[in-house]
Amino acid sequence: MGLFDRLGDRLRDLKDDYDIRKVEEAAILEEEHKLIRDYNLKRTGQIGRYLVDDRPRHQR
């Protein structure tokens, strides 16, 4: 039984590492998409919802 317990533990560790990596990659992709969107807004001069300043336009 000891061998199967160790294999089960190893598989759980691998799955946990895989799950953590997928979450990290998703976060990186999300940030990358935000940066691309912000760059495109600056390049075209359009106002978008991703700009940091959330005050109404008449108060800026």
PDB file of N, CA and C in Angstrom:
ATOM      1  N   MET A   1       0.815  -1.205   0.000  1.00  0.00           N
ATOM      2  CA  MET A   1       0.000   0.000   0.000  1.00  0.00           C
ATOM      3  C   MET A   1       0.854   1.262   0.000  1.00  0.00           C
ATOM      4  N   GLY A   2       2.035   1.210   0.558  1.00  0.00           N
ATOM      5  CA  GLY A   2       2.876   2.394   0.652  1.00  0.00           C
ATOM      6  C   GLY A   2       3.219   2.980  -0.707  1.00  0.00           C
ATOM      7  N   LEU A   3       3.465   2.102  -1.679  1.00  0.00           N
ATOM      8  CA  LEU A   3       3.799   2.570  -3.021  1.00  0.00           C
ATOM      9  C   LEU A   3       2.626   3.326  -3.637  1.00  0.00           C
ATOM     10  N   PHE A   4       1.432   2.787  -3.497  1.00  0.00           N
ATOM     11  CA  PHE A   4       0.255   3.442  -4.067  1.00  0.00           C
ATOM     12  C   PHE A   4      -0.068   4.749  -3.357  1.00  0.00           C
ATOM     13  N   ASP A   5       0.193   4.802  -2.059  1.00  0.00           N
ATOM     14  CA  ASP A   5      -0.012   6.057  -1.330  1.00  0.00           C
ATOM     15  C   ASP A   5       0.931   7.135  -1.846  1.00  0.00           C
ATOM     16  N   ARG A   6       2.196   6.737  -2.065  1.00  0.00           N
ATOM     17  CA  ARG A   6       3.169   7.711  -2.568  1.00  0.00           C
ATOM     18  C   ARG A   6       2.820   8.159  -3.977  1.00  0.00           C
ATOM     19  N   LEU A   7       2.368   7.223  -4.812  1.00  0.00           N
ATOM     20  CA  LEU A   7       1.969   7.594  -6.171  1.00  0.00           C
ATOM     21  C   LEU A   7       0.759   8.519  -6.149  1.00  0.00           C
ATOM     22  N   GLY A   8      -0.191   8.230  -5.269  1.00  0.00           N
ATOM     23  CA  GLY A   8      -1.366   9.092  -5.142  1.00  0.00           C
ATOM     24  C   GLY A   8      -0.981  10.484  -4.688  1.00  0.00           C
ATOM     25  N   ASP A   9      -0.058  10.548  -3.717  1.00  0.00           N
ATOM     26  CA  ASP A   9       0.413  11.853  -3.241  1.00  0.00           C
ATOM     27  C   ASP A   9       1.115  12.610  -4.361  1.00  0.00           C
ATOM     28  N   ARG A  10       1.933  11.894  -5.124  1.00  0.00           N
ATOM     29  CA  ARG A  10       2.670  12.536  -6.217  1.00  0.00           C
ATOM     30  C   ARG A  10       1.707  13.060  -7.286  1.00  0.00           C
ATOM     31  N   LEU A  11       0.689  12.260  -7.611  1.00  0.00           N
ATOM     32  CA  LEU A  11      -0.289  12.708  -8.601  1.00  0.00           C
ATOM     33  C   LEU A  11      -1.060  13.925  -8.106  1.00  0.00           C
ATOM     34  N   ARG A  12      -1.404  13.949  -6.835  1.00  0.00           N
ATOM     35  CA  ARG A  12      -2.093  15.118  -6.269  1.00  0.00           C
ATOM     36  C   ARG A  12      -1.196  16.347  -6.335  1.00  0.00           C
ATOM     37  N   ASP A  13       0.087  16.166  -6.021  1.00  0.00           N
ATOM     38  CA  ASP A  13       1.031  17.287  -6.098  1.00  0.00           C
ATOM     39  C   ASP A  13       1.144  17.813  -7.533  1.00  0.00           C
ATOM     40  N   LEU A  14       1.220  16.892  -8.488  1.00  0.00           N
ATOM     41  CA  LEU A  14       1.312  17.307  -9.887  1.00  0.00           C
ATOM     42  C   LEU A  14       0.060  18.054 -10.323  1.00  0.00           C
ATOM     43  N   LYS A  15      -1.099  17.563  -9.912  1.00  0.00           N
ATOM     44  CA  LYS A  15      -2.353  18.222 -10.272  1.00  0.00           C
ATOM     45  C   LYS A  15      -2.432  19.600  -9.629  1.00  0.00           C
ATOM     46  N   ASP A  16      -2.023  19.710  -8.363  1.00  0.00           N
ATOM     47  CA  ASP A  16      -2.024  21.012  -7.694  1.00  0.00           C
ATOM     48  C   ASP A  16      -1.100  21.992  -8.410  1.00  0.00           C
ATOM     49  N   ASP A  17       0.091  21.520  -8.788  1.00  0.00           N
ATOM     50  CA  ASP A  17       1.029  22.376  -9.521  1.00  0.00           C
ATOM     51  C   ASP A  17       0.437  22.815 -10.858  1.00  0.00           C
ATOM     52  N   TYR A  18      -0.229  21.888 -11.540  1.00  0.00           N
ATOM     53  CA  TYR A  18      -0.860  22.197 -12.823  1.00  0.00           C
ATOM     54  C   TYR A  18      -1.959  23.239 -12.644  1.00  0.00           C
ATOM     55  N   ASP A  19      -2.793  23.058 -11.625  1.00  0.00           N
ATOM     56  CA  ASP A  19      -3.883  24.007 -11.374  1.00  0.00           C
ATOM     57  C   ASP A  19      -3.352  25.400 -11.052  1.00  0.00           C
ATOM     58  N   ILE A  20      -2.302  25.459 -10.241  1.00  0.00           N
ATOM     59  CA  ILE A  20      -1.693  26.749  -9.890  1.00  0.00           C
ATOM     60  C   ILE A  20      -1.140  27.421 -11.143  1.00  0.00           C
ATOM     61  N   ARG A  21      -0.477  26.630 -11.982  1.00  0.00           N
ATOM     62  CA  ARG A  21       0.104  27.183 -13.210  1.00  0.00           C
ATOM     63  C   ARG A  21      -0.974  27.714 -14.146  1.00  0.00           C
ATOM     64  N   LYS A  22      -2.081  27.016 -14.262  1.00  0.00           N
ATOM     65  CA  LYS A  22      -3.173  27.471 -15.124  1.00  0.00           C
ATOM     66  C   LYS A  22      -3.750  28.795 -14.621  1.00  0.00           C
ATOM     67  N   VAL A  23      -3.899  28.936 -13.307  1.00  0.00           N
ATOM     68  CA  VAL A  23      -4.415  30.184 -12.736  1.00  0.00           C
ATOM     69  C   VAL A  23      -3.441  31.326 -13.005  1.00  0.00           C
ATOM     70  N   GLU A  24      -2.144  31.064 -12.807  1.00  0.00           N
ATOM     71  CA  GLU A  24      -1.139  32.096 -13.054  1.00  0.00           C
ATOM     72  C   GLU A  24      -1.119  32.507 -14.526  1.00  0.00           C
ATOM     73  N   GLU A  25      -1.208  31.541 -15.432  1.00  0.00           N
ATOM     74  CA  GLU A  25      -1.210  31.854 -16.857  1.00  0.00           C
ATOM     75  C   GLU A  25      -2.450  32.658 -17.249  1.00  0.00           C
ATOM     76  N   ALA A  26      -3.583  32.326 -16.658  1.00  0.00           N
ATOM     77  CA  ALA A  26      -4.813  33.070 -16.950  1.00  0.00           C
ATOM     78  C   ALA A  26      -4.683  34.519 -16.485  1.00  0.00           C
ATOM     79  N   ALA A  27      -4.078  34.725 -15.310  1.00  0.00           N
ATOM     80  CA  ALA A  27      -3.888  36.082 -14.793  1.00  0.00           C
ATOM     81  C   ALA A  27      -2.936  36.874 -15.692  1.00  0.00           C
ATOM     82  N   ILE A  28      -1.883  36.225 -16.157  1.00  0.00           N
ATOM     83  CA  ILE A  28      -0.933  36.892 -17.048  1.00  0.00           C
ATOM     84  C   ILE A  28      -1.608  37.275 -18.361  1.00  0.00           C
ATOM     85  N   LEU A  29      -2.388  36.364 -18.929  1.00  0.00           N
ATOM     86  CA  LEU A  29      -3.094  36.670 -20.179  1.00  0.00           C
ATOM     87  C   LEU A  29      -4.087  37.807 -20.002  1.00  0.00           C
ATOM     88  N   GLU A  30      -4.771  37.834 -18.866  1.00  0.00           N
ATOM     89  CA  GLU A  30      -5.732  38.910 -18.607  1.00  0.00           C
ATOM     90  C   GLU A  30      -5.027  40.261 -18.544  1.00  0.00           C
ATOM     91  N   GLU A  31      -3.900  40.314 -17.838  1.00  0.00           N
ATOM     92  CA  GLU A  31      -3.135  41.561 -17.753  1.00  0.00           C
ATOM     93  C   GLU A  31      -2.587  41.961 -19.121  1.00  0.00           C
ATOM     94  N   GLU A  32      -2.143  40.974 -19.885  1.00  0.00           N
ATOM     95  CA  GLU A  32      -1.635  41.261 -21.224  1.00  0.00           C
ATOM     96  C   GLU A  32      -2.731  41.869 -22.101  1.00  0.00           C
ATOM     97  N   HIS A  33      -3.926  41.322 -22.030  1.00  0.00           N
ATOM     98  CA  HIS A  33      -5.034  41.864 -22.818  1.00  0.00           C
ATOM     99  C   HIS A  33      -5.380  43.289 -22.382  1.00  0.00           C
ATOM    100  N   LYS A  34      -5.307  43.557 -21.081  1.00  0.00           N
ATOM    101  CA  LYS A  34      -5.571  44.916 -20.594  1.00  0.00           C
ATOM    102  C   LYS A  34      -4.532  45.892 -21.132  1.00  0.00           C
ATOM    103  N   LEU A  35      -3.261  45.479 -21.113  1.00  0.00           N
ATOM    104  CA  LEU A  35      -2.204  46.353 -21.623  1.00  0.00           C
ATOM    105  C   LEU A  35      -2.388  46.629 -23.111  1.00  0.00           C
ATOM    106  N   ILE A  36      -2.732  45.613 -23.871  1.00  0.00           N
ATOM    107  CA  ILE A  36      -2.958  45.797 -25.306  1.00  0.00           C
ATOM    108  C   ILE A  36      -4.134  46.727 -25.536  1.00  0.00           C
ATOM    109  N   ARG A  37      -5.196  46.547 -24.781  1.00  0.00           N
ATOM    110  CA  ARG A  37      -6.385  47.391 -24.925  1.00  0.00           C
ATOM    111  C   ARG A  37      -6.046  48.839 -24.571  1.00  0.00           C
ATOM    112  N   ASP A  38      -5.304  49.036 -23.459  1.00  0.00           N
ATOM    113  CA  ASP A  38      -4.902  50.389 -23.065  1.00  0.00           C
ATOM    114  C   ASP A  38      -4.012  51.031 -24.127  1.00  0.00           C
ATOM    115  N   TYR A  39      -3.087  50.257 -24.685  1.00  0.00           N
ATOM    116  CA  TYR A  39      -2.213  50.785 -25.730  1.00  0.00           C
ATOM    117  C   TYR A  39      -3.036  51.220 -26.940  1.00  0.00           C
ATOM    118  N   ASN A  40      -3.981  50.384 -27.333  1.00  0.00           N
ATOM    119  CA  ASN A  40      -4.813  50.720 -28.495  1.00  0.00           C
ATOM    120  C   ASN A  40      -5.653  51.964 -28.229  1.00  0.00           C
ATOM    121  N   LEU A  41      -6.141  52.132 -27.005  1.00  0.00           N
ATOM    122  CA  LEU A  41      -6.914  53.328 -26.669  1.00  0.00           C
ATOM    123  C   LEU A  41      -6.039  54.575 -26.748  1.00  0.00           C
ATOM    124  N   LYS A  42      -4.813  54.483 -26.237  1.00  0.00           N
ATOM    125  CA  LYS A  42      -3.905  55.634 -26.293  1.00  0.00           C
ATOM    126  C   LYS A  42      -3.525  55.951 -27.734  1.00  0.00           C
ATOM    127  N   ARG A  43      -3.272  54.918 -28.513  1.00  0.00           N
ATOM    128  CA  ARG A  43      -2.846  55.103 -29.903  1.00  0.00           C
ATOM    129  C   ARG A  43      -3.936  55.765 -30.728  1.00  0.00           C
ATOM    130  N   THR A  44      -5.177  55.382 -30.503  1.00  0.00           N
ATOM    131  CA  THR A  44      -6.277  55.927 -31.297  1.00  0.00           C
ATOM    132  C   THR A  44      -6.872  57.178 -30.682  1.00  0.00           C
ATOM    133  N   GLY A  45      -6.511  57.484 -29.425  1.00  0.00           N
ATOM    134  CA  GLY A  45      -7.036  58.669 -28.764  1.00  0.00           C
ATOM    135  C   GLY A  45      -8.460  58.523 -28.280  1.00  0.00           C
ATOM    136  N   GLN A  46      -8.944  57.306 -28.209  1.00  0.00           N
ATOM    137  CA  GLN A  46     -10.308  57.079 -27.747  1.00  0.00           C
ATOM    138  C   GLN A  46     -10.345  56.962 -26.231  1.00  0.00           C
ATOM    139  N   ILE A  47     -11.475  57.355 -25.658  1.00  0.00           N
ATOM    140  CA  ILE A  47     -11.670  57.193 -24.221  1.00  0.00           C
ATOM    141  C   ILE A  47     -12.299  55.829 -24.006  1.00  0.00           C
ATOM    142  N   GLY A  48     -11.751  55.072 -23.074  1.00  0.00           N
ATOM    143  CA  GLY A  48     -12.278  53.734 -22.810  1.00  0.00           C
ATOM    144  C   GLY A  48     -12.552  53.525 -21.345  1.00  0.00           C
ATOM    145  N   ARG A  49     -13.197  52.459 -21.045  1.00  0.00           N
ATOM    146  CA  ARG A  49     -13.578  52.182 -19.659  1.00  0.00           C
ATOM    147  C   ARG A  49     -12.411  51.676 -18.833  1.00  0.00           C
ATOM    148  N   TYR A  50     -11.269  51.416 -19.443  1.00  0.00           N
ATOM    149  CA  TYR A  50     -10.136  50.868 -18.712  1.00  0.00           C
ATOM    150  C   TYR A  50      -9.175  51.945 -18.223  1.00  0.00           C
ATOM    151  N   LEU A  51      -9.501  53.203 -18.469  1.00  0.00           N
ATOM    152  CA  LEU A  51      -8.646  54.271 -17.975  1.00  0.00           C
ATOM    153  C   LEU A  51      -8.780  54.366 -16.462  1.00  0.00           C
ATOM    154  N   VAL A  52      -7.704  54.721 -15.791  1.00  0.00           N
ATOM    155  CA  VAL A  52      -7.671  54.713 -14.332  1.00  0.00           C
ATOM    156  C   VAL A  52      -8.542  55.804 -13.737  1.00  0.00           C
ATOM    157  N   ASP A  53      -8.545  56.976 -14.326  1.00  0.00           N
ATOM    158  CA  ASP A  53      -9.288  58.107 -13.775  1.00  0.00           C
ATOM    159  C   ASP A  53     -10.779  57.896 -14.005  1.00  0.00           C
ATOM    160  N   ASP A  54     -11.522  57.651 -12.917  1.00  0.00           N
ATOM    161  CA  ASP A  54     -12.946  57.342 -13.062  1.00  0.00           C
ATOM    162  C   ASP A  54     -13.843  58.523 -12.702  1.00  0.00           C
ATOM    163  N   ARG A  55     -13.246  59.727 -12.571  1.00  0.00           N
ATOM    164  CA  ARG A  55     -14.068  60.906 -12.309  1.00  0.00           C
ATOM    165  C   ARG A  55     -14.867  61.258 -13.553  1.00  0.00           C
ATOM    166  N   PRO A  56     -16.017  61.871 -13.389  1.00  0.00           N
ATOM    167  CA  PRO A  56     -16.775  62.320 -14.567  1.00  0.00           C
ATOM    168  C   PRO A  56     -15.943  63.304 -15.387  1.00  0.00           C
ATOM    169  N   ARG A  57     -16.181  63.348 -16.680  1.00  0.00           N
ATOM    170  CA  ARG A  57     -15.367  64.164 -17.587  1.00  0.00           C
ATOM    171  C   ARG A  57     -15.379  65.639 -17.215  1.00  0.00           C
ATOM    172  N   HIS A  58     -16.503  66.162 -16.727  1.00  0.00           N
ATOM    173  CA  HIS A  58     -16.577  67.591 -16.430  1.00  0.00           C
ATOM    174  C   HIS A  58     -15.783  67.967 -15.173  1.00  0.00           C
ATOM    175  N   GLN A  59     -15.334  67.003 -14.382  1.00  0.00           N
ATOM    176  CA  GLN A  59     -14.554  67.288 -13.171  1.00  0.00           C
ATOM    177  C   GLN A  59     -13.056  67.142 -13.397  1.00  0.00           C
ATOM    178  N   ARG A  60     -12.646  66.727 -14.559  1.00  0.00           N
ATOM    179  CA  ARG A  60     -11.209  66.512 -14.815  1.00  0.00           C
ATOM    180  C   ARG A  60     -10.490  67.791 -15.070  1.00  0.00           C
TER     181      ARG A  60
END
